[in-house]
Amino acid sequence: MKKLCHFSQVGLLSLAALFASAVSAQEFKIGFVNTDRIFREASTAKSAQVKLEQEFSKREKDLVELGNTLKTASDKFEREAPTLSESQRNTRQKQLMEQDREFQRKRREFQEDLNTRKNEEQQVVIERANLAVKKVAETEKYDVIFQEAVYINPKHDITDKVIKSLNATTGK
């Protein structure tokens, strides 16, 4: 971990030296893009979210119904267990356990499928956002644009420009 911190410090010092020399030679233009805002505000990201909700809403509804059915059956078993014979209790308990395993399997598959599709949709948004960032950078002659920073002066934040560019290209 110390090596990583030392490497990061050396990298930051080198970057600072690069900025200092570039600023002394000419005006050095930097920008910052807030990717979280892009995922929340860009029309591409919003439409991807709507698409995912439409694609997975039926399966999610079915899962909720299956979970409710399982809970109802479990509650009924708890109420009736004292009056059941040993063999009936064991049979019903095994059935409930099997139903629960099936429910857990379906829930896991749903979550895996949803995560896979989210990643695919996010990748599309990232690719389009990167093209929009590049377009803004070239148009406005930025030397470097950062996507992550510990602190950024708001005057360097070009997220609004990128979202506007991204939304404009989405509409076409």
N, C-alpha and C. Protein backbone atom coordinates (compact mmCIF):
# COMPACT_ATOMS: atom_id res chain seq x y z
N MET A 1 0.83 -1.19 0.00
CA MET A 1 0.00 0.00 0.00
C MET A 1 0.87 1.25 0.00
N LYS A 2 1.99 1.20 0.78
CA LYS A 2 2.88 2.36 0.81
C LYS A 2 3.47 2.64 -0.55
N LYS A 3 3.83 1.57 -1.28
CA LYS A 3 4.38 1.75 -2.62
C LYS A 3 3.38 2.45 -3.51
N LEU A 4 2.12 2.06 -3.39
CA LEU A 4 1.07 2.67 -4.20
C LEU A 4 0.94 4.14 -3.86
N CYS A 5 0.93 4.48 -2.59
CA CYS A 5 0.83 5.89 -2.17
C CYS A 5 2.02 6.68 -2.69
N HIS A 6 3.24 6.10 -2.58
CA HIS A 6 4.44 6.77 -3.05
C HIS A 6 4.35 6.99 -4.56
N PHE A 7 3.89 5.95 -5.29
CA PHE A 7 3.74 6.07 -6.73
C PHE A 7 2.72 7.16 -7.06
N SER A 8 1.62 7.20 -6.33
CA SER A 8 0.60 8.22 -6.57
C SER A 8 1.16 9.61 -6.31
N GLN A 9 1.93 9.76 -5.25
CA GLN A 9 2.52 11.06 -4.93
C GLN A 9 3.50 11.50 -6.01
N VAL A 10 4.32 10.57 -6.47
CA VAL A 10 5.27 10.89 -7.53
C VAL A 10 4.51 11.26 -8.80
N GLY A 11 3.44 10.50 -9.09
CA GLY A 11 2.64 10.80 -10.27
C GLY A 11 1.98 12.16 -10.18
N LEU A 12 1.47 12.50 -9.01
CA LEU A 12 0.85 13.81 -8.82
C LEU A 12 1.87 14.93 -8.94
N LEU A 13 3.04 14.72 -8.37
CA LEU A 13 4.09 15.74 -8.48
C LEU A 13 4.52 15.93 -9.94
N SER A 14 4.63 14.83 -10.66
CA SER A 14 4.98 14.92 -12.08
C SER A 14 3.91 15.66 -12.86
N LEU A 15 2.66 15.34 -12.56
CA LEU A 15 1.54 16.00 -13.21
C LEU A 15 1.54 17.49 -12.89
N ALA A 16 1.79 17.83 -11.62
CA ALA A 16 1.85 19.24 -11.21
C ALA A 16 2.98 19.96 -11.95
N ALA A 17 4.12 19.29 -12.08
CA ALA A 17 5.25 19.89 -12.80
C ALA A 17 4.89 20.10 -14.27
N LEU A 18 4.20 19.13 -14.85
CA LEU A 18 3.76 19.25 -16.24
C LEU A 18 2.83 20.45 -16.39
N PHE A 19 1.87 20.59 -15.48
CA PHE A 19 0.95 21.72 -15.52
C PHE A 19 1.71 23.04 -15.36
N ALA A 20 2.62 23.07 -14.43
CA ALA A 20 3.37 24.31 -14.18
C ALA A 20 4.16 24.72 -15.41
N SER A 21 4.83 23.75 -16.05
CA SER A 21 5.62 24.10 -17.24
C SER A 21 4.70 24.49 -18.40
N ALA A 22 3.57 23.82 -18.53
CA ALA A 22 2.65 24.15 -19.61
C ALA A 22 2.03 25.53 -19.40
N VAL A 23 1.70 25.85 -18.15
CA VAL A 23 1.10 27.15 -17.86
C VAL A 23 2.11 28.26 -18.12
N SER A 24 3.37 28.02 -17.78
CA SER A 24 4.37 29.06 -18.01
C SER A 24 4.62 29.26 -19.51
N ALA A 25 4.51 28.21 -20.30
CA ALA A 25 4.75 28.33 -21.74
C ALA A 25 3.56 28.96 -22.46
N GLN A 26 2.37 28.59 -22.05
CA GLN A 26 1.15 29.11 -22.68
C GLN A 26 -0.02 28.82 -21.77
N GLU A 27 -1.18 29.27 -22.16
CA GLU A 27 -2.39 29.00 -21.37
C GLU A 27 -2.72 27.51 -21.48
N PHE A 28 -2.88 26.86 -20.35
CA PHE A 28 -3.20 25.44 -20.28
C PHE A 28 -4.65 25.31 -19.84
N LYS A 29 -5.48 24.71 -20.68
CA LYS A 29 -6.91 24.65 -20.41
C LYS A 29 -7.30 23.25 -19.93
N ILE A 30 -7.85 23.19 -18.71
CA ILE A 30 -8.27 21.91 -18.16
C ILE A 30 -9.78 21.93 -17.92
N GLY A 31 -10.35 20.75 -17.90
CA GLY A 31 -11.78 20.61 -17.64
C GLY A 31 -12.03 19.39 -16.78
N PHE A 32 -13.21 19.32 -16.25
CA PHE A 32 -13.61 18.21 -15.41
C PHE A 32 -15.03 17.78 -15.80
N VAL A 33 -15.26 16.46 -15.82
CA VAL A 33 -16.59 15.93 -16.12
C VAL A 33 -17.02 15.04 -14.96
N ASN A 34 -18.23 15.30 -14.47
CA ASN A 34 -18.80 14.51 -13.38
C ASN A 34 -19.63 13.38 -14.01
N THR A 35 -19.06 12.18 -14.02
CA THR A 35 -19.73 11.05 -14.66
C THR A 35 -21.01 10.65 -13.93
N ASP A 36 -21.06 10.83 -12.63
CA ASP A 36 -22.29 10.52 -11.89
C ASP A 36 -23.45 11.38 -12.39
N ARG A 37 -23.18 12.66 -12.62
CA ARG A 37 -24.23 13.54 -13.14
C ARG A 37 -24.66 13.12 -14.53
N ILE A 38 -23.71 12.69 -15.33
CA ILE A 38 -24.06 12.24 -16.68
C ILE A 38 -25.00 11.05 -16.60
N PHE A 39 -24.71 10.09 -15.70
CA PHE A 39 -25.58 8.92 -15.54
C PHE A 39 -26.95 9.29 -14.99
N ARG A 40 -27.04 10.39 -14.27
CA ARG A 40 -28.33 10.81 -13.72
C ARG A 40 -29.12 11.70 -14.66
N GLU A 41 -28.42 12.57 -15.42
CA GLU A 41 -29.10 13.65 -16.13
C GLU A 41 -29.16 13.52 -17.65
N ALA A 42 -28.25 12.81 -18.25
CA ALA A 42 -28.23 12.72 -19.71
C ALA A 42 -29.42 11.91 -20.21
N SER A 43 -29.99 12.34 -21.31
CA SER A 43 -31.17 11.65 -21.84
C SER A 43 -30.84 10.21 -22.24
N THR A 44 -29.62 9.96 -22.69
CA THR A 44 -29.21 8.60 -23.03
C THR A 44 -29.28 7.70 -21.81
N ALA A 45 -28.79 8.19 -20.69
CA ALA A 45 -28.81 7.40 -19.45
C ALA A 45 -30.24 7.20 -18.96
N LYS A 46 -31.05 8.25 -19.05
CA LYS A 46 -32.44 8.13 -18.62
C LYS A 46 -33.20 7.13 -19.48
N SER A 47 -33.00 7.18 -20.79
CA SER A 47 -33.70 6.23 -21.66
C SER A 47 -33.22 4.80 -21.42
N ALA A 48 -31.94 4.63 -21.10
CA ALA A 48 -31.42 3.30 -20.77
C ALA A 48 -32.10 2.77 -19.51
N GLN A 49 -32.30 3.64 -18.53
CA GLN A 49 -32.96 3.24 -17.28
C GLN A 49 -34.40 2.82 -17.55
N VAL A 50 -35.11 3.60 -18.36
CA VAL A 50 -36.50 3.27 -18.70
C VAL A 50 -36.55 1.93 -19.45
N LYS A 51 -35.61 1.75 -20.36
CA LYS A 51 -35.54 0.50 -21.13
C LYS A 51 -35.35 -0.70 -20.20
N LEU A 52 -34.45 -0.57 -19.23
CA LEU A 52 -34.21 -1.66 -18.27
C LEU A 52 -35.45 -1.92 -17.41
N GLU A 53 -36.10 -0.87 -16.97
CA GLU A 53 -37.30 -1.04 -16.15
C GLU A 53 -38.38 -1.78 -16.93
N GLN A 54 -38.56 -1.41 -18.19
CA GLN A 54 -39.56 -2.09 -19.02
C GLN A 54 -39.19 -3.55 -19.24
N GLU A 55 -37.92 -3.78 -19.48
CA GLU A 55 -37.44 -5.13 -19.78
C GLU A 55 -37.57 -6.07 -18.57
N PHE A 56 -37.38 -5.55 -17.36
CA PHE A 56 -37.32 -6.40 -16.19
C PHE A 56 -38.52 -6.26 -15.25
N SER A 57 -39.46 -5.40 -15.55
CA SER A 57 -40.57 -5.17 -14.62
C SER A 57 -41.44 -6.41 -14.44
N LYS A 58 -41.73 -7.14 -15.51
CA LYS A 58 -42.58 -8.32 -15.39
C LYS A 58 -41.90 -9.39 -14.53
N ARG A 59 -40.63 -9.64 -14.78
CA ARG A 59 -39.91 -10.65 -13.98
C ARG A 59 -39.84 -10.23 -12.51
N GLU A 60 -39.64 -8.93 -12.28
CA GLU A 60 -39.58 -8.45 -10.90
C GLU A 60 -40.94 -8.63 -10.22
N LYS A 61 -42.01 -8.33 -10.94
CA LYS A 61 -43.36 -8.48 -10.40
C LYS A 61 -43.63 -9.96 -10.08
N ASP A 62 -43.24 -10.83 -10.99
CA ASP A 62 -43.42 -12.27 -10.77
C ASP A 62 -42.64 -12.74 -9.55
N LEU A 63 -41.44 -12.23 -9.37
CA LEU A 63 -40.62 -12.59 -8.21
C LEU A 63 -41.27 -12.13 -6.91
N VAL A 64 -41.80 -10.93 -6.91
CA VAL A 64 -42.47 -10.40 -5.72
C VAL A 64 -43.67 -11.27 -5.39
N GLU A 65 -44.45 -11.63 -6.39
CA GLU A 65 -45.61 -12.49 -6.18
C GLU A 65 -45.20 -13.86 -5.65
N LEU A 66 -44.14 -14.42 -6.21
CA LEU A 66 -43.65 -15.72 -5.75
C LEU A 66 -43.18 -15.62 -4.30
N GLY A 67 -42.50 -14.55 -3.96
CA GLY A 67 -42.05 -14.34 -2.58
C GLY A 67 -43.23 -14.21 -1.63
N ASN A 68 -44.27 -13.49 -2.04
CA ASN A 68 -45.46 -13.34 -1.20
C ASN A 68 -46.17 -14.68 -1.01
N THR A 69 -46.26 -15.46 -2.09
CA THR A 69 -46.88 -16.79 -2.00
C THR A 69 -46.11 -17.68 -1.04
N LEU A 70 -44.79 -17.63 -1.14
CA LEU A 70 -43.94 -18.43 -0.25
C LEU A 70 -44.11 -18.00 1.21
N LYS A 71 -44.19 -16.70 1.44
CA LYS A 71 -44.38 -16.19 2.80
C LYS A 71 -45.73 -16.63 3.36
N THR A 72 -46.76 -16.54 2.54
CA THR A 72 -48.09 -16.97 2.97
C THR A 72 -48.09 -18.45 3.32
N ALA A 73 -47.47 -19.28 2.49
CA ALA A 73 -47.39 -20.72 2.74
C ALA A 73 -46.60 -21.01 4.01
N SER A 74 -45.55 -20.26 4.22
CA SER A 74 -44.73 -20.43 5.42
C SER A 74 -45.51 -20.04 6.68
N ASP A 75 -46.22 -18.93 6.61
CA ASP A 75 -47.05 -18.49 7.74
C ASP A 75 -48.13 -19.52 8.06
N LYS A 76 -48.75 -20.05 7.01
CA LYS A 76 -49.79 -21.08 7.20
C LYS A 76 -49.19 -22.31 7.85
N PHE A 77 -48.01 -22.71 7.40
CA PHE A 77 -47.34 -23.87 7.99
C PHE A 77 -47.06 -23.63 9.47
N GLU A 78 -46.58 -22.46 9.82
CA GLU A 78 -46.28 -22.14 11.22
C GLU A 78 -47.53 -22.24 12.10
N ARG A 79 -48.65 -21.78 11.54
CA ARG A 79 -49.91 -21.84 12.30
C ARG A 79 -50.39 -23.28 12.46
N GLU A 80 -50.27 -24.07 11.39
CA GLU A 80 -50.83 -25.42 11.38
C GLU A 80 -49.87 -26.48 11.91
N ALA A 81 -48.59 -26.17 12.03
CA ALA A 81 -47.58 -27.17 12.42
C ALA A 81 -47.93 -27.92 13.70
N PRO A 82 -48.40 -27.24 14.75
CA PRO A 82 -48.69 -27.99 15.99
C PRO A 82 -49.79 -29.05 15.82
N THR A 83 -50.68 -28.88 14.86
CA THR A 83 -51.79 -29.84 14.70
C THR A 83 -51.47 -30.93 13.68
N LEU A 84 -50.35 -30.82 12.98
CA LEU A 84 -50.00 -31.80 11.95
C LEU A 84 -49.25 -32.98 12.57
N SER A 85 -49.40 -34.11 11.90
CA SER A 85 -48.62 -35.27 12.34
C SER A 85 -47.16 -35.05 11.96
N GLU A 86 -46.28 -35.82 12.53
CA GLU A 86 -44.83 -35.70 12.27
C GLU A 86 -44.53 -35.84 10.77
N SER A 87 -45.12 -36.82 10.11
CA SER A 87 -44.84 -37.04 8.69
C SER A 87 -45.41 -35.90 7.83
N GLN A 88 -46.60 -35.40 8.17
CA GLN A 88 -47.18 -34.26 7.43
C GLN A 88 -46.31 -33.01 7.61
N ARG A 89 -45.85 -32.79 8.84
CA ARG A 89 -45.00 -31.63 9.13
C ARG A 89 -43.70 -31.72 8.33
N ASN A 90 -43.08 -32.89 8.32
CA ASN A 90 -41.83 -33.08 7.57
C ASN A 90 -42.04 -32.89 6.07
N THR A 91 -43.13 -33.42 5.55
CA THR A 91 -43.43 -33.29 4.12
C THR A 91 -43.62 -31.82 3.75
N ARG A 92 -44.43 -31.11 4.51
CA ARG A 92 -44.69 -29.69 4.22
C ARG A 92 -43.42 -28.85 4.38
N GLN A 93 -42.63 -29.19 5.38
CA GLN A 93 -41.38 -28.46 5.60
C GLN A 93 -40.43 -28.66 4.41
N LYS A 94 -40.34 -29.87 3.92
CA LYS A 94 -39.50 -30.15 2.74
C LYS A 94 -40.01 -29.39 1.52
N GLN A 95 -41.33 -29.35 1.36
CA GLN A 95 -41.92 -28.62 0.23
C GLN A 95 -41.58 -27.13 0.33
N LEU A 96 -41.71 -26.58 1.52
CA LEU A 96 -41.38 -25.16 1.72
C LEU A 96 -39.91 -24.89 1.44
N MET A 97 -39.06 -25.79 1.90
CA MET A 97 -37.62 -25.60 1.66
C MET A 97 -37.31 -25.66 0.17
N GLU A 98 -37.95 -26.56 -0.56
CA GLU A 98 -37.75 -26.66 -2.00
C GLU A 98 -38.26 -25.41 -2.71
N GLN A 99 -39.42 -24.93 -2.29
CA GLN A 99 -39.97 -23.71 -2.88
C GLN A 99 -39.06 -22.52 -2.60
N ASP A 100 -38.50 -22.47 -1.40
CA ASP A 100 -37.59 -21.38 -1.05
C ASP A 100 -36.31 -21.44 -1.89
N ARG A 101 -35.78 -22.65 -2.07
CA ARG A 101 -34.58 -22.80 -2.92
C ARG A 101 -34.86 -22.33 -4.35
N GLU A 102 -36.02 -22.69 -4.86
CA GLU A 102 -36.42 -22.28 -6.21
C GLU A 102 -36.55 -20.76 -6.29
N PHE A 103 -37.16 -20.17 -5.27
CA PHE A 103 -37.31 -18.72 -5.21
C PHE A 103 -35.95 -18.04 -5.17
N GLN A 104 -35.05 -18.53 -4.34
CA GLN A 104 -33.70 -17.94 -4.23
C GLN A 104 -32.95 -18.07 -5.56
N ARG A 105 -33.10 -19.20 -6.24
CA ARG A 105 -32.45 -19.40 -7.54
C ARG A 105 -32.97 -18.39 -8.56
N LYS A 106 -34.28 -18.24 -8.62
CA LYS A 106 -34.88 -17.29 -9.56
C LYS A 106 -34.46 -15.86 -9.24
N ARG A 107 -34.40 -15.55 -7.96
CA ARG A 107 -33.99 -14.19 -7.56
C ARG A 107 -32.53 -13.92 -7.96
N ARG A 108 -31.66 -14.91 -7.75
CA ARG A 108 -30.25 -14.78 -8.15
C ARG A 108 -30.12 -14.59 -9.66
N GLU A 109 -30.85 -15.41 -10.42
CA GLU A 109 -30.81 -15.30 -11.89
C GLU A 109 -31.30 -13.92 -12.34
N PHE A 110 -32.38 -13.47 -11.72
CA PHE A 110 -32.91 -12.15 -12.04
C PHE A 110 -31.85 -11.08 -11.79
N GLN A 111 -31.22 -11.12 -10.62
CA GLN A 111 -30.23 -10.11 -10.26
C GLN A 111 -29.02 -10.16 -11.20
N GLU A 112 -28.59 -11.37 -11.55
CA GLU A 112 -27.46 -11.51 -12.48
C GLU A 112 -27.81 -10.96 -13.86
N ASP A 113 -29.00 -11.30 -14.35
CA ASP A 113 -29.43 -10.79 -15.66
C ASP A 113 -29.56 -9.27 -15.64
N LEU A 114 -30.14 -8.74 -14.57
CA LEU A 114 -30.30 -7.30 -14.45
C LEU A 114 -28.94 -6.60 -14.42
N ASN A 115 -28.02 -7.13 -13.64
CA ASN A 115 -26.68 -6.53 -13.56
C ASN A 115 -25.96 -6.58 -14.91
N THR A 116 -26.09 -7.70 -15.61
CA THR A 116 -25.47 -7.82 -16.93
C THR A 116 -26.02 -6.77 -17.89
N ARG A 117 -27.34 -6.64 -17.92
CA ARG A 117 -27.97 -5.65 -18.81
C ARG A 117 -27.63 -4.22 -18.40
N LYS A 118 -27.58 -3.96 -17.10
CA LYS A 118 -27.20 -2.62 -16.63
C LYS A 118 -25.80 -2.28 -17.12
N ASN A 119 -24.89 -3.23 -16.98
CA ASN A 119 -23.52 -2.99 -17.43
C ASN A 119 -23.47 -2.73 -18.93
N GLU A 120 -24.25 -3.49 -19.70
CA GLU A 120 -24.29 -3.27 -21.14
C GLU A 120 -24.80 -1.87 -21.47
N GLU A 121 -25.88 -1.48 -20.83
CA GLU A 121 -26.46 -0.16 -21.09
C GLU A 121 -25.52 0.96 -20.62
N GLN A 122 -24.88 0.76 -19.47
CA GLN A 122 -23.92 1.76 -18.98
C GLN A 122 -22.75 1.90 -19.94
N GLN A 123 -22.32 0.80 -20.52
CA GLN A 123 -21.20 0.86 -21.46
C GLN A 123 -21.57 1.71 -22.67
N VAL A 124 -22.80 1.58 -23.14
CA VAL A 124 -23.26 2.39 -24.27
C VAL A 124 -23.25 3.88 -23.88
N VAL A 125 -23.74 4.18 -22.68
CA VAL A 125 -23.77 5.57 -22.20
C VAL A 125 -22.34 6.10 -22.08
N ILE A 126 -21.44 5.29 -21.54
CA ILE A 126 -20.04 5.71 -21.37
C ILE A 126 -19.40 6.01 -22.72
N GLU A 127 -19.62 5.14 -23.69
CA GLU A 127 -19.04 5.35 -25.02
C GLU A 127 -19.55 6.65 -25.64
N ARG A 128 -20.85 6.87 -25.55
CA ARG A 128 -21.42 8.11 -26.11
C ARG A 128 -20.93 9.34 -25.33
N ALA A 129 -20.84 9.21 -24.01
CA ALA A 129 -20.37 10.33 -23.19
C ALA A 129 -18.91 10.65 -23.54
N ASN A 130 -18.09 9.62 -23.73
CA ASN A 130 -16.69 9.86 -24.09
C ASN A 130 -16.58 10.58 -25.43
N LEU A 131 -17.43 10.21 -26.37
CA LEU A 131 -17.44 10.91 -27.66
C LEU A 131 -17.85 12.37 -27.48
N ALA A 132 -18.84 12.61 -26.61
CA ALA A 132 -19.28 13.98 -26.34
C ALA A 132 -18.18 14.78 -25.65
N VAL A 133 -17.47 14.14 -24.71
CA VAL A 133 -16.35 14.81 -24.02
C VAL A 133 -15.29 15.19 -25.04
N LYS A 134 -14.96 14.25 -25.91
CA LYS A 134 -13.94 14.51 -26.93
C LYS A 134 -14.37 15.65 -27.85
N LYS A 135 -15.64 15.66 -28.22
CA LYS A 135 -16.16 16.72 -29.09
C LYS A 135 -16.04 18.08 -28.42
N VAL A 136 -16.44 18.17 -27.16
CA VAL A 136 -16.34 19.43 -26.41
C VAL A 136 -14.87 19.82 -26.26
N ALA A 137 -14.02 18.86 -25.95
CA ALA A 137 -12.59 19.14 -25.78
C ALA A 137 -11.97 19.69 -27.05
N GLU A 138 -12.29 19.09 -28.18
CA GLU A 138 -11.73 19.55 -29.45
C GLU A 138 -12.31 20.90 -29.87
N THR A 139 -13.61 21.06 -29.68
CA THR A 139 -14.27 22.31 -30.06
C THR A 139 -13.75 23.49 -29.26
N GLU A 140 -13.60 23.28 -27.95
CA GLU A 140 -13.21 24.38 -27.07
C GLU A 140 -11.72 24.36 -26.71
N LYS A 141 -10.97 23.50 -27.38
CA LYS A 141 -9.51 23.43 -27.27
C LYS A 141 -9.01 23.22 -25.83
N TYR A 142 -9.55 22.17 -25.18
CA TYR A 142 -9.06 21.78 -23.86
C TYR A 142 -7.81 20.94 -24.04
N ASP A 143 -6.86 21.11 -23.11
CA ASP A 143 -5.64 20.32 -23.15
C ASP A 143 -5.82 18.98 -22.44
N VAL A 144 -6.62 18.99 -21.38
CA VAL A 144 -6.86 17.76 -20.62
C VAL A 144 -8.23 17.88 -19.93
N ILE A 145 -8.92 16.74 -19.86
CA ILE A 145 -10.20 16.69 -19.15
C ILE A 145 -10.14 15.50 -18.20
N PHE A 146 -10.46 15.76 -16.93
CA PHE A 146 -10.46 14.73 -15.90
C PHE A 146 -11.87 14.23 -15.65
N GLN A 147 -11.98 12.96 -15.28
CA GLN A 147 -13.27 12.41 -14.91
C GLN A 147 -13.37 12.19 -13.40
N GLU A 148 -12.25 12.12 -12.73
CA GLU A 148 -12.27 11.93 -11.28
C GLU A 148 -11.24 12.86 -10.66
N ALA A 149 -11.61 13.45 -9.55
CA ALA A 149 -10.69 14.32 -8.83
C ALA A 149 -11.16 14.43 -7.38
N VAL A 150 -10.23 14.68 -6.50
CA VAL A 150 -10.57 14.87 -5.10
C VAL A 150 -11.28 16.21 -4.93
N TYR A 151 -10.78 17.21 -5.61
CA TYR A 151 -11.40 18.53 -5.58
C TYR A 151 -11.28 19.15 -6.96
N ILE A 152 -12.31 19.87 -7.34
CA ILE A 152 -12.26 20.58 -8.62
C ILE A 152 -12.94 21.94 -8.44
N ASN A 153 -12.31 22.95 -8.96
CA ASN A 153 -12.91 24.28 -8.94
C ASN A 153 -14.08 24.26 -9.92
N PRO A 154 -15.25 24.69 -9.49
CA PRO A 154 -16.44 24.63 -10.36
C PRO A 154 -16.26 25.31 -11.72
N LYS A 155 -15.33 26.26 -11.82
CA LYS A 155 -15.14 26.93 -13.11
C LYS A 155 -14.56 25.98 -14.17
N HIS A 156 -13.99 24.85 -13.74
CA HIS A 156 -13.42 23.88 -14.67
C HIS A 156 -14.41 22.76 -15.01
N ASP A 157 -15.58 22.76 -14.38
CA ASP A 157 -16.57 21.70 -14.59
C ASP A 157 -17.30 21.93 -15.91
N ILE A 158 -17.13 21.01 -16.85
CA ILE A 158 -17.78 21.14 -18.16
C ILE A 158 -18.89 20.11 -18.33
N THR A 159 -19.35 19.55 -17.22
CA THR A 159 -20.38 18.50 -17.28
C THR A 159 -21.63 18.98 -18.01
N ASP A 160 -22.07 20.21 -17.74
CA ASP A 160 -23.27 20.72 -18.42
C ASP A 160 -23.08 20.75 -19.93
N LYS A 161 -21.91 21.15 -20.38
CA LYS A 161 -21.63 21.20 -21.83
C LYS A 161 -21.67 19.79 -22.43
N VAL A 162 -21.10 18.84 -21.69
CA VAL A 162 -21.06 17.46 -22.18
C VAL A 162 -22.47 16.89 -22.25
N ILE A 163 -23.26 17.12 -21.19
CA ILE A 163 -24.65 16.62 -21.19
C ILE A 163 -25.43 17.25 -22.34
N LYS A 164 -25.24 18.54 -22.55
CA LYS A 164 -25.93 19.22 -23.65
C LYS A 164 -25.52 18.62 -24.99
N SER A 165 -24.23 18.38 -25.18
CA SER A 165 -23.73 17.78 -26.42
C SER A 165 -24.26 16.35 -26.58
N LEU A 166 -24.24 15.61 -25.50
CA LEU A 166 -24.73 14.22 -25.51
C LEU A 166 -26.21 14.18 -25.86
N ASN A 167 -26.99 15.05 -25.24
CA ASN A 167 -28.42 15.10 -25.52
C ASN A 167 -28.70 15.53 -26.96
N ALA A 168 -27.88 16.43 -27.48
CA ALA A 168 -28.06 16.89 -28.87
C ALA A 168 -27.79 15.76 -29.85
N THR A 169 -26.78 14.94 -29.59
CA THR A 169 -26.47 13.85 -30.51
C THR A 169 -27.48 12.71 -30.35
N THR A 170 -28.09 12.56 -29.17
CA THR A 170 -29.08 11.53 -28.96
C THR A 170 -30.35 11.85 -29.74
N GLY A 171 -30.68 13.12 -29.82
CA GLY A 171 -31.90 13.53 -30.52
C GLY A 171 -31.84 13.34 -32.01
N LYS A 172 -30.66 13.21 -32.56
CA LYS A 172 -30.52 13.09 -34.03
C LYS A 172 -30.70 11.69 -34.51
